[in-house]
Amino acid sequence: MNELTEQQHLELQRYGFDAELQRRWQKDIADGRLSKATNAVGGDLLVPPPGSVKKQPGISTKAHRELEELGREAIANGQLGVVVLNGGMATRFGGVVKGIVRVLGKSRTFLGLAVEDVLMHRKQSGGHVPLFCMNSFATEQASKSHFADHAQFGLTKHCIEHFNQFVGVRMTKSGELFETEDGLASPYGPGHGDFPSAFRRSGCLKRFLDGGGRYLLVRNVDNLGARIDAGVLGHHILSGNEMTVELAPKWPDDVGGSPFHYLGRTQLIEQLRYPKGFDPNVVDVFNTNTFTFTATALDREFDLGWYYVEKKVDDRDAVQVEHLIGEMTAHLSTNFLQIRRNGRHTRFLPLKTPDDLESALEEIADIYDGTDEEDDI
């Protein structure tokens, strides 16, 4: 397959398909300008300077109470919105739309629990907290139907907006368009780096700002620890930065990007950009893909890099080109915050496979239905 059909073009254009960019990727792959080797950074990755990564204060401390008060005031004033990154194709969940998978009881799904969290904080604070779902071509219809089937989980329609990330077409290692077993093009979502541009171009950002919104919590649909937290919001506000990155302490076998001092500033560098032989364990925290943004900082375009990723499709090698939301730390002033990973106040409970979900059910029930208790990092 060398060219998309007119019908395929029309279907993809609904999701912002950029045919010129696609052709450029194909040429760059064919000519070797995009490859695993070209993903690597071009300079030294250094340990961040002391004090670059802050820690959440203990639950019982005065500092924590003051940060919570600052965050609660912002929530009560309708300044917080929540963005759920809901575009992934959940291949490790059997290719289902993960957001609609049941987690607790008969109807408490990943997306349903995200709404529960919003409703709880709206009730506590009295503030308006809008919810935004970034869907993809693979999740849009099922997710919208899921909300409709559950009466928006108690949210009024003006409190939730859906917007779509963009779409690319998989390629072969030689730069040709990848053809599935049924002879069709193989579309994919080109990564969470779509968020700032898709949110802005959809009009969601303008509507949020016009409605008095100031801060956005951006989280993965499958991280059930990434709930609204007034203390984390207060930490972001007090820092005065445009972006807060939540980092978890590394445990054995953890993989993922981490903050490094690179090209004169501390920024997130994801694993696919590590040079050959690099030891990432010189930094003992890693990226959870949970962020708080000052919304006005998103009202611009960001020149994020494109990176080469190989996937197995129909048991054959396919190539995707993706960009990374964490790379926004190279463009925005950033507050790096080490969050809790233990107990009911954990902010990192990712569920990547059905086995993860099964083994974490007791912990999930405690987080969403338990009583308050003290814990620390």
Protein backbone atom coordinates (compact mmCIF):
# COMPACT_ATOMS: atom_id res chain seq x y z
CA MET A 1 0.00 0.00 0.00
CA ASN A 2 1.66 3.24 -1.15
CA GLU A 3 -1.27 5.66 -1.03
CA LEU A 4 -4.46 6.01 0.97
CA THR A 5 -7.72 5.82 -0.91
CA GLU A 6 -9.97 8.86 -1.10
CA GLN A 7 -12.43 7.20 1.29
CA GLN A 8 -9.65 6.49 3.81
CA HIS A 9 -8.56 10.14 3.58
CA LEU A 10 -12.09 11.31 4.30
CA GLU A 11 -12.44 9.03 7.32
CA LEU A 12 -9.09 10.10 8.77
CA GLN A 13 -9.61 13.81 8.16
CA ARG A 14 -12.36 13.81 10.76
CA TYR A 15 -9.60 13.32 13.32
CA GLY A 16 -7.26 15.96 11.96
CA PHE A 17 -5.18 13.70 9.74
CA ASP A 18 -2.23 15.58 8.23
CA ALA A 19 -1.37 13.92 4.91
CA GLU A 20 1.69 16.13 4.37
CA LEU A 21 3.10 15.24 7.79
CA GLN A 22 2.43 11.56 7.12
CA ARG A 23 4.37 11.70 3.85
CA ARG A 24 7.24 13.44 5.62
CA TRP A 25 7.37 10.68 8.23
CA GLN A 26 7.44 8.05 5.50
CA LYS A 27 10.32 9.77 3.73
CA ASP A 28 12.23 10.32 6.96
CA ILE A 29 11.88 6.64 7.87
CA ALA A 30 12.93 5.54 4.40
CA ASP A 31 15.96 7.84 4.48
CA GLY A 32 16.95 6.93 8.06
CA ARG A 33 16.18 10.32 9.60
CA LEU A 34 13.63 8.64 11.87
CA SER A 35 14.75 5.47 13.63
CA LYS A 36 15.36 4.07 17.10
CA ALA A 37 18.85 5.55 16.92
CA THR A 38 17.61 9.06 16.09
CA ASN A 39 15.33 9.05 19.17
CA ALA A 40 18.34 9.39 21.47
CA VAL A 41 19.22 12.73 23.04
CA GLY A 42 22.18 14.56 21.58
CA GLY A 43 23.79 15.64 24.83
CA ASP A 44 24.56 14.53 28.39
CA LEU A 45 21.74 13.59 30.77
CA LEU A 46 22.74 14.87 34.20
CA VAL A 47 21.26 14.40 37.66
CA PRO A 48 19.01 17.39 38.43
CA PRO A 49 20.50 19.99 40.80
CA PRO A 50 19.64 19.59 44.51
CA GLY A 51 16.17 20.88 45.32
CA SER A 52 14.85 20.37 41.76
CA VAL A 53 12.38 17.73 42.97
CA LYS A 54 10.09 18.66 45.85
CA LYS A 55 8.22 16.19 48.09
CA GLN A 56 4.61 16.30 49.20
CA PRO A 57 4.49 17.40 52.83
CA GLY A 58 3.26 14.83 55.35
CA ILE A 59 -0.53 14.63 55.72
CA SER A 60 -0.48 15.83 59.33
CA THR A 61 1.83 18.83 58.79
CA LYS A 62 0.98 22.51 58.80
CA ALA A 63 2.55 22.84 55.34
CA HIS A 64 0.12 20.26 53.96
CA ARG A 65 -2.88 22.00 55.53
CA GLU A 66 -1.85 25.33 54.05
CA LEU A 67 -1.42 23.83 50.57
CA GLU A 68 -4.80 22.10 50.86
CA GLU A 69 -6.47 25.34 51.82
CA LEU A 70 -4.96 27.11 48.82
CA GLY A 71 -6.13 24.33 46.50
CA ARG A 72 -9.59 24.10 48.02
CA GLU A 73 -10.11 27.81 47.54
CA ALA A 74 -9.24 27.48 43.83
CA ILE A 75 -11.64 24.53 43.45
CA ALA A 76 -14.43 26.38 45.25
CA ASN A 77 -13.92 29.31 42.88
CA GLY A 78 -14.40 27.08 39.84
CA GLN A 79 -10.77 27.36 38.73
CA LEU A 80 -9.98 23.63 38.28
CA GLY A 81 -10.79 21.35 35.37
CA VAL A 82 -9.89 17.69 34.85
CA VAL A 83 -8.65 16.18 31.57
CA VAL A 84 -8.77 12.40 31.21
CA LEU A 85 -6.42 11.00 28.56
CA ASN A 86 -8.73 8.37 27.10
CA GLY A 87 -7.36 7.72 23.61
CA GLY A 88 -5.25 4.59 24.12
CA MET A 89 -6.15 1.41 22.28
CA ALA A 90 -5.50 -0.77 25.38
CA THR A 91 -3.77 -3.59 23.53
CA ARG A 92 -2.77 -5.21 26.82
CA PHE A 93 -6.48 -5.22 27.79
CA GLY A 94 -7.33 -7.16 24.64
CA GLY A 95 -7.90 -4.07 22.50
CA VAL A 96 -11.02 -2.94 24.37
CA VAL A 97 -11.81 0.69 25.20
CA LYS A 98 -10.31 0.71 28.67
CA GLY A 99 -12.35 3.63 29.98
CA ILE A 100 -15.56 1.60 29.82
CA VAL A 101 -14.13 -1.48 31.56
CA ARG A 102 -15.86 -2.29 34.86
CA VAL A 103 -13.60 -1.80 37.89
CA LEU A 104 -15.85 -1.99 40.97
CA GLY A 105 -19.38 -3.32 41.30
CA LYS A 106 -21.69 -3.56 38.31
CA SER A 107 -21.18 -0.15 36.76
CA ARG A 108 -18.17 1.61 38.30
CA THR A 109 -15.84 1.81 35.32
CA PHE A 110 -12.55 3.68 34.82
CA LEU A 111 -14.45 6.66 33.41
CA GLY A 112 -17.22 6.31 35.99
CA LEU A 113 -14.70 6.54 38.84
CA ALA A 114 -13.18 9.65 37.24
CA VAL A 115 -16.64 11.25 37.33
CA GLU A 116 -17.19 10.13 40.94
CA ASP A 117 -14.03 11.99 41.91
CA VAL A 118 -15.20 15.17 40.17
CA LEU A 119 -18.65 14.98 41.75
CA MET A 120 -17.21 14.43 45.23
CA HIS A 121 -15.04 17.55 45.02
CA ARG A 122 -17.85 19.61 43.52
CA LYS A 123 -20.06 18.60 46.45
CA GLN A 124 -17.36 19.35 49.02
CA SER A 125 -16.37 22.72 47.60
CA GLY A 126 -19.48 23.94 45.82
CA GLY A 127 -17.29 24.82 42.84
CA HIS A 128 -17.84 23.93 39.20
CA VAL A 129 -15.29 21.30 38.06
CA PRO A 130 -15.61 20.49 34.34
CA LEU A 131 -14.42 17.16 32.97
CA PHE A 132 -12.79 16.82 29.55
CA CYS A 133 -12.15 13.48 27.81
CA MET A 134 -9.47 13.32 25.14
CA ASN A 135 -10.67 10.44 22.97
CA SER A 136 -9.27 8.96 19.78
CA PHE A 137 -10.81 7.44 16.66
CA ALA A 138 -10.64 4.11 18.55
CA THR A 139 -12.40 5.27 21.75
CA GLU A 140 -14.67 8.19 20.81
CA GLN A 141 -17.91 6.42 19.97
CA ALA A 142 -17.74 3.80 22.73
CA SER A 143 -16.87 6.43 25.35
CA LYS A 144 -19.66 8.82 24.35
CA SER A 145 -22.15 5.95 24.30
CA HIS A 146 -20.91 4.82 27.71
CA PHE A 147 -21.64 8.24 29.20
CA ALA A 148 -25.05 8.35 27.53
CA ASP A 149 -25.94 4.84 28.75
CA HIS A 150 -25.11 5.89 32.33
CA ALA A 151 -26.87 9.29 32.22
CA GLN A 152 -23.46 11.02 32.23
CA PHE A 153 -22.80 9.37 35.63
CA GLY A 154 -24.66 12.26 37.25
CA LEU A 155 -22.87 15.08 35.44
CA THR A 156 -24.96 17.58 33.55
CA LYS A 157 -24.06 17.70 29.86
CA HIS A 158 -22.49 21.17 30.09
CA CYS A 159 -20.05 19.82 32.70
CA ILE A 160 -18.40 17.33 30.35
CA GLU A 161 -16.79 17.81 26.97
CA HIS A 162 -15.27 15.30 24.59
CA PHE A 163 -12.49 16.23 22.19
CA ASN A 164 -10.36 14.09 19.91
CA GLN A 165 -6.65 13.62 19.60
CA PHE A 166 -5.21 13.37 16.12
CA VAL A 167 -4.50 10.31 13.98
CA GLY A 168 -1.61 8.85 11.99
CA VAL A 169 -1.22 5.74 9.84
CA ARG A 170 1.25 3.00 10.71
CA MET A 171 4.18 2.33 8.41
CA THR A 172 6.65 -0.41 7.64
CA LYS A 173 10.31 -0.17 8.58
CA SER A 174 11.03 0.92 5.01
CA GLY A 175 8.54 3.80 5.17
CA GLU A 176 5.68 2.27 3.18
CA LEU A 177 2.15 2.45 4.56
CA PHE A 178 1.48 -0.62 6.71
CA GLU A 179 -1.33 -2.83 5.41
CA THR A 180 -3.38 -5.02 7.76
CA GLU A 181 -4.41 -8.57 6.92
CA ASP A 182 -7.68 -7.28 5.48
CA GLY A 183 -5.83 -4.91 3.16
CA LEU A 184 -6.67 -1.69 5.00
CA ALA A 185 -4.58 1.12 6.42
CA SER A 186 -3.80 0.82 10.14
CA PRO A 187 -4.55 4.09 11.98
CA TYR A 188 -3.24 4.93 15.46
CA GLY A 189 -3.18 7.82 17.91
CA PRO A 190 0.23 9.53 17.85
CA GLY A 191 0.64 9.88 21.62
CA HIS A 192 -0.36 12.03 24.58
CA GLY A 193 1.70 14.85 23.11
CA ASP A 194 -1.46 15.57 21.11
CA PHE A 195 -3.09 17.03 24.22
CA PRO A 196 -2.09 20.73 24.15
CA SER A 197 -2.79 21.22 20.45
CA ALA A 198 -5.99 19.13 20.39
CA PHE A 199 -7.37 20.83 23.51
CA ARG A 200 -6.67 24.27 22.08
CA ARG A 201 -7.91 23.60 18.54
CA SER A 202 -11.13 21.97 19.81
CA GLY A 203 -12.13 25.20 21.53
CA CYS A 204 -12.15 23.50 24.95
CA LEU A 205 -9.29 25.67 26.22
CA LYS A 206 -11.01 28.93 25.26
CA ARG A 207 -14.29 27.84 26.80
CA PHE A 208 -12.51 26.77 29.98
CA LEU A 209 -10.67 30.09 30.28
CA ASP A 210 -13.77 32.13 29.41
CA GLY A 211 -15.62 30.30 32.18
CA GLY A 212 -13.09 31.32 34.80
CA GLY A 213 -10.92 28.20 34.64
CA ARG A 214 -7.26 28.56 35.59
CA TYR A 215 -5.79 25.11 36.30
CA LEU A 216 -6.04 21.71 34.60
CA LEU A 217 -5.31 18.32 36.13
CA VAL A 218 -4.30 16.02 33.24
CA ARG A 219 -4.24 12.28 33.96
CA ASN A 220 -4.35 8.85 32.33
CA VAL A 221 -7.70 7.08 32.40
CA ASP A 222 -6.08 3.96 33.90
CA ASN A 223 -4.25 5.63 36.80
CA LEU A 224 -6.85 5.33 39.55
CA GLY A 225 -4.57 7.09 42.02
CA ALA A 226 -4.55 10.33 40.02
CA ARG A 227 -7.55 11.95 41.66
CA ILE A 228 -8.20 15.59 42.41
CA ASP A 229 -5.99 16.59 45.34
CA ALA A 230 -6.28 20.07 46.79
CA GLY A 231 -2.79 19.79 48.28
CA VAL A 232 -1.19 19.00 44.92
CA LEU A 233 -3.12 21.85 43.32
CA GLY A 234 -2.00 24.17 46.10
CA HIS A 235 1.60 23.07 45.58
CA HIS A 236 1.31 23.95 41.89
CA ILE A 237 -0.24 27.35 42.61
CA LEU A 238 2.34 28.23 45.26
CA SER A 239 5.22 27.21 42.98
CA GLY A 240 4.24 29.87 40.44
CA ASN A 241 5.20 27.51 37.60
CA GLU A 242 3.23 26.81 34.44
CA MET A 243 3.36 23.03 34.85
CA THR A 244 3.64 20.52 37.69
CA VAL A 245 4.91 16.99 36.99
CA GLU A 246 4.03 14.23 39.44
CA LEU A 247 6.91 11.82 40.01
CA ALA A 248 6.80 8.48 41.83
CA PRO A 249 9.65 6.86 43.79
CA LYS A 250 11.24 4.13 41.68
CA TRP A 251 10.71 0.53 42.69
CA PRO A 252 12.61 -2.46 41.23
CA ASP A 253 11.65 -3.19 37.60
CA ASP A 254 9.99 0.21 37.10
CA VAL A 255 10.41 1.70 33.65
CA GLY A 256 9.60 5.15 32.36
CA GLY A 257 10.97 8.61 31.86
CA SER A 258 12.58 10.72 34.56
CA PRO A 259 13.72 14.32 35.09
CA PHE A 260 17.28 15.08 34.01
CA HIS A 261 19.26 18.25 33.59
CA TYR A 262 19.59 18.52 29.83
CA LEU A 263 20.43 21.47 27.57
CA GLY A 264 20.57 23.87 30.49
CA ARG A 265 17.29 23.01 32.23
CA THR A 266 15.68 20.19 34.21
CA GLN A 267 13.13 18.41 32.02
CA LEU A 268 11.48 15.04 31.52
CA ILE A 269 13.32 12.65 29.25
CA GLU A 270 11.35 9.54 28.31
CA GLN A 271 12.95 6.11 28.13
CA LEU A 272 12.91 5.87 24.33
CA ARG A 273 15.27 8.87 24.24
CA TYR A 274 17.96 7.37 26.48
CA PRO A 275 21.27 6.85 24.67
CA LYS A 276 22.59 3.31 24.35
CA GLY A 277 24.16 2.07 27.58
CA PHE A 278 22.72 4.89 29.72
CA ASP A 279 21.83 3.99 33.33
CA PRO A 280 18.60 5.84 34.24
CA ASN A 281 18.84 4.72 37.88
CA VAL A 282 21.03 7.72 38.66
CA VAL A 283 17.64 9.37 39.26
CA ASP A 284 15.37 7.62 41.79
CA VAL A 285 11.97 8.96 40.61
CA PHE A 286 10.04 8.59 37.37
CA ASN A 287 7.18 10.19 35.45
CA THR A 288 3.60 9.13 36.33
CA ASN A 289 2.07 11.01 33.37
CA THR A 290 -0.03 13.11 35.74
CA PHE A 291 0.31 16.87 35.35
CA THR A 292 -1.19 20.13 36.53
CA PHE A 293 -1.10 23.02 34.07
CA THR A 294 -1.77 26.70 34.42
CA ALA A 295 -4.27 26.86 31.58
CA THR A 296 -3.15 30.16 30.03
CA ALA A 297 0.26 28.58 29.36
CA LEU A 298 -1.42 26.18 26.91
CA ASP A 299 -2.70 28.93 24.64
CA ARG A 300 0.08 28.49 22.07
CA GLU A 301 1.53 25.85 19.79
CA PHE A 302 4.38 23.66 21.08
CA ASP A 303 7.13 22.29 18.86
CA LEU A 304 7.33 18.79 20.31
CA GLY A 305 9.65 16.19 18.82
CA TRP A 306 8.53 13.17 16.81
CA TYR A 307 9.88 9.76 17.84
CA TYR A 308 10.10 6.36 16.19
CA VAL A 309 8.22 3.49 17.91
CA GLU A 310 7.93 -0.12 16.76
CA LYS A 311 4.77 -2.13 17.48
CA LYS A 312 3.52 -5.62 16.69
CA VAL A 313 0.37 -5.57 14.54
CA ASP A 314 -1.03 -8.85 13.19
CA ASP A 315 2.23 -10.40 14.47
CA ARG A 316 4.22 -8.17 12.11
CA ASP A 317 6.47 -5.19 12.77
CA ALA A 318 4.84 -1.82 12.29
CA VAL A 319 6.19 1.67 12.91
CA GLN A 320 4.44 4.56 14.63
CA VAL A 321 5.69 8.12 15.03
CA GLU A 322 4.65 9.66 18.35
CA HIS A 323 5.20 12.73 20.48
CA LEU A 324 5.28 13.02 24.25
CA ILE A 325 3.32 15.24 26.63
CA GLY A 326 6.23 15.21 29.09
CA GLU A 327 8.36 17.07 26.56
CA MET A 328 6.37 20.18 27.41
CA THR A 329 8.78 20.50 30.34
CA ALA A 330 11.31 21.71 27.74
CA HIS A 331 8.98 24.65 26.98
CA LEU A 332 7.21 25.54 30.24
CA SER A 333 8.47 26.49 33.69
CA THR A 334 8.07 23.27 35.66
CA ASN A 335 7.49 22.20 39.24
CA PHE A 336 8.64 18.61 39.88
CA LEU A 337 6.73 16.99 42.74
CA GLN A 338 7.41 13.57 44.28
CA ILE A 339 4.04 12.11 45.24
CA ARG A 340 2.92 9.27 47.49
CA ARG A 341 2.96 5.74 46.19
CA ASN A 342 1.71 3.92 49.29
CA GLY A 343 -1.59 3.67 51.12
CA ARG A 344 -4.95 5.25 50.53
CA HIS A 345 -3.39 8.55 49.51
CA THR A 346 -1.33 7.06 46.70
CA ARG A 347 -1.39 9.06 43.49
CA PHE A 348 0.03 6.29 41.33
CA LEU A 349 -2.06 3.18 40.76
CA PRO A 350 -1.80 2.38 37.03
CA LEU A 351 -3.69 -0.65 35.73
CA LYS A 352 -2.17 -1.76 32.43
CA THR A 353 -3.48 -5.34 32.25
CA PRO A 354 -6.52 -7.30 33.50
CA ASP A 355 -4.18 -9.01 35.99
CA ASP A 356 -3.19 -5.58 37.38
CA LEU A 357 -6.86 -4.81 37.89
CA GLU A 358 -7.65 -8.13 39.54
CA SER A 359 -4.73 -7.93 41.96
CA ALA A 360 -5.48 -4.31 42.95
CA LEU A 361 -9.23 -4.61 43.63
CA GLU A 362 -8.88 -4.42 47.41
CA GLU A 363 -6.61 -1.39 47.16
CA ILE A 364 -8.96 0.32 44.67
CA ALA A 365 -11.96 -0.27 46.95
CA ASP A 366 -10.05 1.20 49.89
CA ILE A 367 -9.05 4.28 47.87
CA TYR A 368 -12.56 5.01 46.61
CA ASP A 369 -14.68 3.74 49.49
CA GLY A 370 -12.38 3.62 52.54
CA THR A 371 -11.95 5.98 55.44
CA ASP A 372 -9.19 8.56 55.81
CA GLU A 373 -5.92 7.47 57.31
CA GLU A 374 -2.48 8.97 57.50
CA ASP A 375 0.34 7.78 55.30
CA ASP A 376 3.53 9.23 53.94
CA ILE A 377 5.89 8.89 51.00
